[in-house]
Amino acid sequence: MLSLISTLGGLLISGLPKLLDFFQNKADQRHELALAQIQVQMQLQMMAQGFAAQERMEEIRTDQIAMETDAQMTVAAYDHDKKVMDNASRWVVNFVGTVRPMVTYIFVLELCAINTWMAYYIYTRPALVTSMDDLVRLTDILFSTDEMAMLGGIIGFWFGSRSWSKK
C-alpha cells in the first residue's frame, strides 16, 4: 500500500512542474494580451490626435480660402461699381454714395430708440428689478456685447474717416 501511495505521489510530483508551467503560461499570455491592448489603444489615440490635427489644418485652409474668395469678390464688386459709376449720371453717383451712411444712421438711430424704449419699460416697472442680479441681467439685454461691438465699430469708423483725416 505504501508503495502504491508513493508511486502515485511521485507521479503527481513529477507532473507538478508541468502544472505550474501551465498556470505561468496563462498568466504570461494574459499579461501580453493586456500590453497589446494598451499599445493598440495608444496607437488609436495617436492616430485620432493626428487626424484631429490634420482635420483642423484642413478647416484652417478652408477658412483661409473662403476669406480670400470673399476678399476677391469684394474687390470685384468695387471694381464693377467704379465702372458703372463712371457712366452714371451725377445724381445716381450722389445717391449711391449716400446709401451706406444712411443705412448706418438708421441702424444707430434704431438701436438707440429700442434701447431707450427698453430702459423706459424697465424703469416704469419696478417689479422687474428686485435684486442686483436682475439689474445685471436686464443690462445685458439692453446693452449686449455684440450690439456694443457693432456700435463701437460704426462710430470708430465714422469718426476715423471724418474729422481726423481732414487736417
Protein backbone atom coordinates (compact mmCIF):
# COMPACT_ATOMS: atom_id res chain seq x y z
CA MET A 1 0.00 0.00 0.00
CA LEU A 2 2.81 2.35 0.87
CA SER A 3 4.43 1.64 -2.48
CA LEU A 4 1.18 2.45 -4.27
CA ILE A 5 0.84 5.78 -2.44
CA SER A 6 4.48 6.65 -3.05
CA THR A 7 4.14 5.79 -6.76
CA LEU A 8 1.04 7.93 -7.02
CA GLY A 9 2.76 10.77 -5.10
CA GLY A 10 5.79 10.51 -7.39
CA LEU A 11 3.60 10.78 -10.46
CA LEU A 12 1.80 13.80 -9.05
CA ILE A 13 5.03 15.49 -8.03
CA SER A 14 6.62 14.81 -11.41
CA GLY A 15 3.59 16.46 -13.10
CA LEU A 16 3.69 19.46 -10.74
CA PRO A 17 6.25 21.44 -12.80
CA LYS A 18 4.08 20.96 -15.89
CA LEU A 19 1.04 22.16 -13.96
CA LEU A 20 2.94 25.21 -12.66
CA ASP A 21 4.20 25.95 -16.20
CA PHE A 22 0.60 25.80 -17.45
CA PHE A 23 -0.55 28.42 -14.92
CA GLN A 24 2.57 30.54 -15.57
CA ASN A 25 1.88 30.47 -19.34
CA LYS A 26 -1.72 31.54 -18.74
CA ALA A 27 -0.53 34.49 -16.62
CA ASP A 28 2.10 35.43 -19.23
CA GLN A 29 -0.45 35.29 -22.02
CA ARG A 30 -2.89 37.45 -20.04
CA HIS A 31 -0.11 39.99 -19.42
CA GLU A 32 0.92 40.04 -23.10
CA LEU A 33 -2.71 40.46 -24.14
CA ALA A 34 -3.10 43.43 -21.78
CA LEU A 35 0.10 45.02 -23.15
CA ALA A 36 -1.09 44.50 -26.73
CA GLN A 37 -4.45 46.11 -25.90
CA ILE A 38 -2.71 49.11 -24.32
CA GLN A 39 -0.47 49.50 -27.37
CA VAL A 40 -3.46 49.34 -29.71
CA GLN A 41 -5.31 51.95 -27.63
CA MET A 42 -2.28 54.25 -27.66
CA GLN A 43 -1.92 53.87 -31.42
CA LEU A 44 -5.61 54.63 -31.90
CA GLN A 45 -5.33 57.71 -29.69
CA MET A 46 -2.27 58.94 -31.55
CA MET A 47 -3.99 58.34 -34.88
CA ALA A 48 -7.09 60.16 -33.64
CA GLN A 49 -4.97 63.09 -32.46
CA GLY A 50 -3.10 63.10 -35.73
CA PHE A 51 -6.32 63.00 -37.70
CA ALA A 52 -7.82 65.69 -35.48
CA ALA A 53 -4.79 67.91 -36.10
CA GLN A 54 -4.95 67.19 -39.81
CA GLU A 55 -8.69 67.89 -39.82
CA ARG A 56 -8.10 71.19 -38.01
CA MET A 57 -5.44 72.12 -40.58
CA GLU A 58 -7.94 71.40 -43.37
CA GLU A 59 -10.52 73.59 -41.63
CA ILE A 60 -7.99 76.42 -41.37
CA ARG A 61 -7.13 76.05 -45.06
CA THR A 62 -10.81 76.01 -45.99
CA ASP A 63 -11.47 79.14 -43.91
CA GLN A 64 -8.47 80.85 -45.47
CA ILE A 65 -9.68 80.03 -48.98
CA ALA A 66 -13.16 81.30 -48.09
CA MET A 67 -11.73 84.58 -46.75
CA GLU A 68 -9.58 85.04 -49.85
CA THR A 69 -12.60 84.35 -52.05
CA ASP A 70 -14.70 86.88 -50.13
CA ALA A 71 -11.95 89.49 -50.46
CA GLN A 72 -11.67 88.85 -54.18
CA MET A 73 -15.44 89.11 -54.58
CA THR A 74 -15.46 92.39 -52.64
CA VAL A 75 -12.69 93.83 -54.80
CA ALA A 76 -14.52 92.68 -57.95
CA ALA A 77 -17.76 94.28 -56.70
CA TYR A 78 -15.98 97.58 -56.01
CA ASP A 79 -14.33 97.49 -59.44
CA HIS A 80 -17.72 96.82 -61.02
CA ASP A 81 -19.26 99.71 -59.07
CA LYS A 82 -16.47 102.03 -60.25
CA LYS A 83 -17.10 101.12 -63.88
CA VAL A 84 -20.84 101.61 -63.50
CA MET A 85 -20.38 104.94 -61.69
CA ASP A 86 -18.10 106.24 -64.44
CA ASN A 87 -21.02 106.02 -66.91
CA ALA A 88 -23.81 107.02 -64.47
CA SER A 89 -25.29 110.45 -64.06
CA ARG A 90 -24.17 112.65 -61.20
CA TRP A 91 -27.37 112.29 -59.13
CA VAL A 92 -27.09 108.46 -59.27
CA VAL A 93 -23.49 108.68 -58.08
CA ASN A 94 -24.55 111.01 -55.24
CA PHE A 95 -27.47 108.75 -54.31
CA VAL A 96 -25.31 105.62 -54.25
CA GLY A 97 -22.76 107.50 -52.14
CA THR A 98 -25.43 108.24 -49.51
CA VAL A 99 -26.85 104.73 -49.20
CA ARG A 100 -24.21 103.26 -46.88
CA PRO A 101 -24.11 106.27 -44.49
CA MET A 102 -27.93 106.42 -44.40
CA VAL A 103 -28.20 102.72 -43.56
CA THR A 104 -25.63 103.25 -40.82
CA TYR A 105 -27.52 106.25 -39.41
CA ILE A 106 -30.82 104.34 -39.50
CA PHE A 107 -29.21 101.39 -37.72
CA VAL A 108 -27.73 103.58 -34.99
CA LEU A 109 -30.99 105.53 -34.51
CA GLU A 110 -32.99 102.30 -34.37
CA LEU A 111 -30.57 100.84 -31.84
CA CYS A 112 -30.81 103.95 -29.66
CA ALA A 113 -34.62 104.03 -29.93
CA ILE A 114 -35.00 100.37 -28.99
CA ASN A 115 -32.60 100.67 -26.05
CA THR A 116 -34.31 103.86 -24.86
CA TRP A 117 -37.73 102.20 -25.02
CA MET A 118 -36.43 99.12 -23.17
CA ALA A 119 -34.82 101.30 -20.47
CA TYR A 120 -38.08 103.25 -20.06
CA TYR A 121 -40.05 100.00 -19.87
CA ILE A 122 -37.79 98.65 -17.14
CA TYR A 123 -37.81 101.99 -15.28
CA THR A 124 -41.61 102.18 -15.22
CA ARG A 125 -41.96 98.61 -13.90
CA PRO A 126 -40.00 98.44 -10.65
CA ALA A 127 -41.13 94.85 -10.04
CA LEU A 128 -38.75 93.73 -12.81
CA VAL A 129 -35.70 94.76 -10.78
CA THR A 130 -35.78 93.19 -7.34
CA SER A 131 -32.09 92.48 -6.95
CA MET A 132 -28.73 93.41 -8.38
CA ASP A 133 -28.74 90.17 -10.37
CA ASP A 134 -31.95 91.27 -12.10
CA LEU A 135 -30.38 94.62 -12.95
CA VAL A 136 -27.27 92.98 -14.38
CA ARG A 137 -29.37 90.53 -16.41
CA LEU A 138 -31.54 93.33 -17.82
CA THR A 139 -28.49 95.48 -18.53
CA ASP A 140 -27.01 92.59 -20.51
CA ILE A 141 -30.21 92.52 -22.54
CA LEU A 142 -30.18 96.28 -23.07
CA PHE A 143 -26.53 96.58 -24.00
CA SER A 144 -25.36 93.23 -25.37
CA THR A 145 -21.68 92.83 -26.17
CA ASP A 146 -22.40 92.14 -29.85
CA GLU A 147 -24.53 95.25 -30.07
CA MET A 148 -21.88 97.41 -28.42
CA ALA A 149 -19.14 95.94 -30.63
CA MET A 150 -21.11 96.81 -33.77
CA LEU A 151 -21.90 100.28 -32.50
CA GLY A 152 -18.28 100.85 -31.48
CA GLY A 153 -17.08 99.73 -34.90
CA ILE A 154 -19.52 102.02 -36.69
CA ILE A 155 -18.68 105.03 -34.55
CA GLY A 156 -14.95 104.33 -34.69
CA PHE A 157 -15.04 104.02 -38.46
CA TRP A 158 -17.21 107.10 -38.83
CA PHE A 159 -15.03 109.31 -36.61
CA GLY A 160 -11.83 107.83 -38.02
CA SER A 161 -12.82 108.57 -41.60
CA ARG A 162 -14.27 112.03 -40.97
CA SER A 163 -12.72 114.76 -38.89
CA TRP A 164 -9.23 113.44 -38.08
CA SER A 165 -8.41 112.51 -41.67
CA LYS A 166 -9.06 116.06 -42.94
CA LYS A 167 -6.25 118.02 -41.31
